[in-house]
Amino acid sequence: MKHIVLFLCLLLPFAGSAQLLDSLSLDTMTACTSMQEALKDSNNVLKLDLSKQRLSEFPKELRKLTSLQYLDLSKNKITDIPPWIGELKDLQILILYKNKIDSLRSQIGELSHLKYLDLNRTDLEKIPRSIGKLKELQTLNLWSDNIGGYPIELKYLADNLKVLDLRDVLVNQASQEFLKAILPNTTIYFSPICPCER
């Protein structure tokens, strides 16, 4: 049984390679759901789901998963993203919704292959300027966060960003117009304009 579980954590035809999978392949492949199992072949784990495990921080062992492309840490109690997040160079999908992360470290910008970033309902208050380095980002989900402002560096995402979800976020008319102007090809989901300062 252990061998079966370990096999499901890996995509063996790609073992040892640096090939990035497409989004559909990552979505449909079976995730490894145990850090203990993942560490048995740390160089070849591509997809890890540690959601709903009452984690209070990013497991330090994640640094050993050098081929990781999909990471789900949603529905935990994490309050901070560590500075070593940038070491996960192949990461394409990062799911962190329903945590308590109020800010992002600048090292998030080092995830050069990141295509999907979900931070909804994390209490996020600020977006770092380094977000502009995520040139391959296609979806940024900030639904129901507490964003206080939007850096001009978001404009560097314009070529690939397809969806920016800001529903249930207080966004005034000026900020809505600003975001539409710098992201003209992005579908932006807003709640009704708020009579607020941000």
Protein backbone atom coordinates (compact mmCIF):
# COMPACT_ATOMS: atom_id res chain seq x y z
CA MET A 1 0.00 0.00 0.00
CA LYS A 2 2.86 2.39 0.81
CA HIS A 3 4.26 1.85 -2.68
CA ILE A 4 0.90 2.78 -4.21
CA VAL A 5 0.68 5.99 -2.16
CA LEU A 6 4.21 6.98 -3.11
CA PHE A 7 3.51 6.35 -6.79
CA LEU A 8 0.50 8.67 -6.62
CA CYS A 9 2.72 11.43 -5.25
CA LEU A 10 4.90 11.34 -8.33
CA LEU A 11 4.57 11.64 -12.05
CA LEU A 12 7.21 9.06 -12.87
CA PRO A 13 7.65 9.74 -16.62
CA PHE A 14 8.94 13.19 -15.73
CA ALA A 15 11.05 12.13 -12.75
CA GLY A 16 14.39 13.85 -12.66
CA SER A 17 13.50 16.35 -15.38
CA ALA A 18 12.83 20.05 -15.22
CA GLN A 19 9.81 19.89 -17.51
CA LEU A 20 6.89 22.00 -16.39
CA LEU A 21 3.44 20.48 -16.78
CA ASP A 22 0.48 22.31 -18.25
CA SER A 23 -2.30 23.45 -15.93
CA LEU A 24 -4.68 20.69 -16.93
CA SER A 25 -2.13 17.98 -16.15
CA LEU A 26 -1.41 19.52 -12.76
CA ASP A 27 -5.11 19.89 -11.95
CA THR A 28 -5.96 16.30 -12.82
CA MET A 29 -2.98 14.46 -11.37
CA THR A 30 -3.28 12.97 -7.90
CA ALA A 31 -1.63 15.04 -5.19
CA CYS A 32 0.61 13.78 -2.47
CA THR A 33 -1.15 14.58 0.82
CA SER A 34 1.57 13.73 3.32
CA MET A 35 4.85 15.50 3.88
CA GLN A 36 6.27 12.26 5.23
CA GLU A 37 5.51 10.45 1.96
CA ALA A 38 6.72 13.38 -0.12
CA LEU A 39 10.12 13.36 1.57
CA LYS A 40 10.72 9.75 0.52
CA ASP A 41 11.48 11.00 -2.99
CA SER A 42 11.73 14.74 -2.51
CA ASN A 43 13.30 15.49 -5.90
CA ASN A 44 10.33 14.13 -7.84
CA VAL A 45 7.21 15.33 -6.03
CA LEU A 46 5.28 17.68 -8.32
CA LYS A 47 1.98 18.17 -6.51
CA LEU A 48 1.42 18.50 -2.77
CA ASP A 49 -1.86 19.12 -0.96
CA LEU A 50 -1.51 19.97 2.73
CA SER A 51 -4.85 21.74 3.08
CA LYS A 52 -6.88 21.46 6.29
CA GLN A 53 -3.98 20.22 8.39
CA ARG A 54 -4.00 22.96 11.04
CA LEU A 55 -0.57 24.16 10.02
CA SER A 56 0.57 27.39 11.64
CA GLU A 57 3.51 27.90 9.27
CA PHE A 58 4.95 26.69 5.98
CA PRO A 59 6.64 23.33 6.66
CA LYS A 60 10.39 23.89 6.39
CA GLU A 61 10.67 20.54 4.64
CA LEU A 62 9.07 22.09 1.57
CA ARG A 63 12.50 23.45 0.70
CA LYS A 64 13.58 19.91 -0.13
CA LEU A 65 10.85 19.48 -2.77
CA THR A 66 12.90 20.97 -5.56
CA SER A 67 10.55 19.92 -8.38
CA LEU A 68 7.31 21.08 -6.75
CA GLN A 69 4.90 22.69 -9.22
CA TYR A 70 1.59 22.68 -7.30
CA LEU A 71 1.21 23.53 -3.62
CA ASP A 72 -2.06 23.74 -1.71
CA LEU A 73 -1.85 25.03 1.87
CA SER A 74 -5.41 26.32 2.06
CA LYS A 75 -7.61 26.23 5.15
CA ASN A 76 -4.76 26.28 7.65
CA LYS A 77 -3.63 28.82 10.26
CA ILE A 78 -0.57 30.15 8.47
CA THR A 79 0.30 33.78 9.21
CA ASP A 80 3.43 34.31 7.12
CA ILE A 81 5.03 33.26 3.86
CA PRO A 82 8.72 32.50 4.51
CA PRO A 83 11.52 34.30 2.64
CA TRP A 84 12.69 30.98 1.18
CA ILE A 85 9.47 30.69 -0.87
CA GLY A 86 11.52 31.89 -3.82
CA GLU A 87 13.53 28.65 -3.74
CA LEU A 88 10.55 26.74 -5.17
CA LYS A 89 11.54 27.77 -8.68
CA ASP A 90 9.18 25.42 -10.55
CA LEU A 91 6.06 26.38 -8.62
CA GLN A 92 3.17 27.17 -10.96
CA ILE A 93 0.15 26.95 -8.67
CA LEU A 94 0.07 28.30 -5.11
CA ILE A 95 -3.16 28.03 -3.13
CA LEU A 96 -3.27 29.76 0.24
CA TYR A 97 -6.89 30.75 0.76
CA LYS A 98 -8.42 30.79 4.25
CA ASN A 99 -5.22 31.47 6.16
CA LYS A 100 -4.22 34.57 8.16
CA ILE A 101 -1.60 36.09 5.88
CA ASP A 102 -1.80 39.89 5.98
CA SER A 103 1.28 40.59 3.83
CA LEU A 104 3.49 39.01 1.19
CA ARG A 105 7.26 38.99 1.28
CA SER A 106 9.08 40.43 -1.71
CA GLN A 107 10.49 36.97 -2.47
CA ILE A 108 7.09 35.99 -3.90
CA GLY A 109 8.35 37.73 -7.03
CA GLU A 110 11.03 35.06 -7.46
CA LEU A 111 8.41 32.46 -8.47
CA SER A 112 8.97 33.18 -12.13
CA HIS A 113 6.76 30.32 -13.39
CA LEU A 114 3.80 31.06 -11.11
CA LYS A 115 0.54 31.04 -13.08
CA TYR A 116 -2.13 30.80 -10.37
CA LEU A 117 -2.05 32.52 -6.99
CA ASP A 118 -5.03 32.19 -4.65
CA LEU A 119 -4.99 34.35 -1.51
CA ASN A 120 -8.71 34.83 -1.00
CA ARG A 121 -9.93 35.28 2.56
CA THR A 122 -6.42 35.58 3.99
CA ASP A 123 -6.78 39.12 5.40
CA LEU A 124 -4.12 40.32 2.96
CA GLU A 125 -3.59 44.08 3.36
CA LYS A 126 -0.74 44.88 1.00
CA ILE A 127 0.56 43.68 -2.35
CA PRO A 128 4.36 43.96 -2.72
CA ARG A 129 5.90 45.70 -5.71
CA SER A 130 7.67 42.46 -6.57
CA ILE A 131 4.30 41.11 -7.78
CA GLY A 132 5.25 42.72 -11.08
CA LYS A 133 7.96 40.08 -11.58
CA LEU A 134 5.36 37.32 -11.93
CA LYS A 135 5.23 37.71 -15.70
CA GLU A 136 3.54 34.33 -16.26
CA LEU A 137 0.74 34.91 -13.72
CA GLN A 138 -2.69 34.26 -15.24
CA THR A 139 -4.99 34.28 -12.20
CA LEU A 140 -4.71 36.36 -9.04
CA ASN A 141 -7.49 35.71 -6.53
CA LEU A 142 -7.76 38.29 -3.73
CA TRP A 143 -11.45 37.86 -3.05
CA SER A 144 -12.60 39.14 0.36
CA ASP A 145 -9.20 40.48 1.42
CA ASN A 146 -8.36 43.85 3.00
CA ILE A 147 -6.21 45.33 0.24
CA GLY A 148 -5.31 48.93 0.99
CA GLY A 149 -3.63 49.86 -2.30
CA TYR A 150 -2.37 48.60 -5.63
CA PRO A 151 1.25 49.02 -6.78
CA ILE A 152 1.89 50.37 -10.26
CA GLU A 153 4.05 47.27 -10.85
CA LEU A 154 0.83 45.32 -11.49
CA LYS A 155 1.03 46.74 -15.01
CA TYR A 156 3.85 44.32 -15.77
CA LEU A 157 1.33 41.47 -15.50
CA ALA A 158 -0.82 42.88 -18.29
CA ASP A 159 0.38 40.52 -21.02
CA ASN A 160 -0.68 37.30 -19.30
CA LEU A 161 -2.99 38.09 -16.38
CA LYS A 162 -6.44 36.88 -17.38
CA VAL A 163 -8.34 37.18 -14.09
CA LEU A 164 -8.01 39.45 -11.07
CA ASP A 165 -10.69 38.73 -8.48
CA LEU A 166 -11.39 41.60 -6.09
CA ARG A 167 -14.94 40.77 -5.16
CA ASP A 168 -15.90 41.67 -1.61
CA VAL A 169 -12.91 44.01 -1.41
CA LEU A 170 -13.47 47.71 -0.73
CA VAL A 171 -12.30 49.47 -3.89
CA ASN A 172 -13.16 53.08 -4.67
CA GLN A 173 -13.82 54.47 -8.14
CA ALA A 174 -10.32 55.88 -8.61
CA SER A 175 -8.69 52.55 -7.79
CA GLN A 176 -11.06 50.66 -10.07
CA GLU A 177 -10.26 53.00 -12.95
CA PHE A 178 -6.53 52.74 -12.20
CA LEU A 179 -6.61 48.93 -12.31
CA LYS A 180 -8.64 48.85 -15.51
CA ALA A 181 -6.16 51.24 -17.12
CA ILE A 182 -3.01 49.29 -16.24
CA LEU A 183 -4.61 45.88 -16.88
CA PRO A 184 -6.70 46.52 -20.02
CA ASN A 185 -6.82 42.88 -21.12
CA THR A 186 -7.59 41.43 -17.68
CA THR A 187 -11.06 40.45 -16.50
CA ILE A 188 -11.35 42.19 -13.13
CA TYR A 189 -14.15 41.24 -10.79
CA PHE A 190 -15.17 44.07 -8.48
CA SER A 191 -17.92 44.48 -5.94
CA PRO A 192 -19.87 47.76 -6.25
CA ILE A 193 -17.76 50.89 -5.92
CA CYS A 194 -17.28 51.91 -2.32
CA PRO A 195 -17.25 55.52 -1.07
CA CYS A 196 -13.93 54.89 0.68
CA GLU A 197 -10.36 56.14 0.47
CA ARG A 198 -8.93 53.05 -1.16
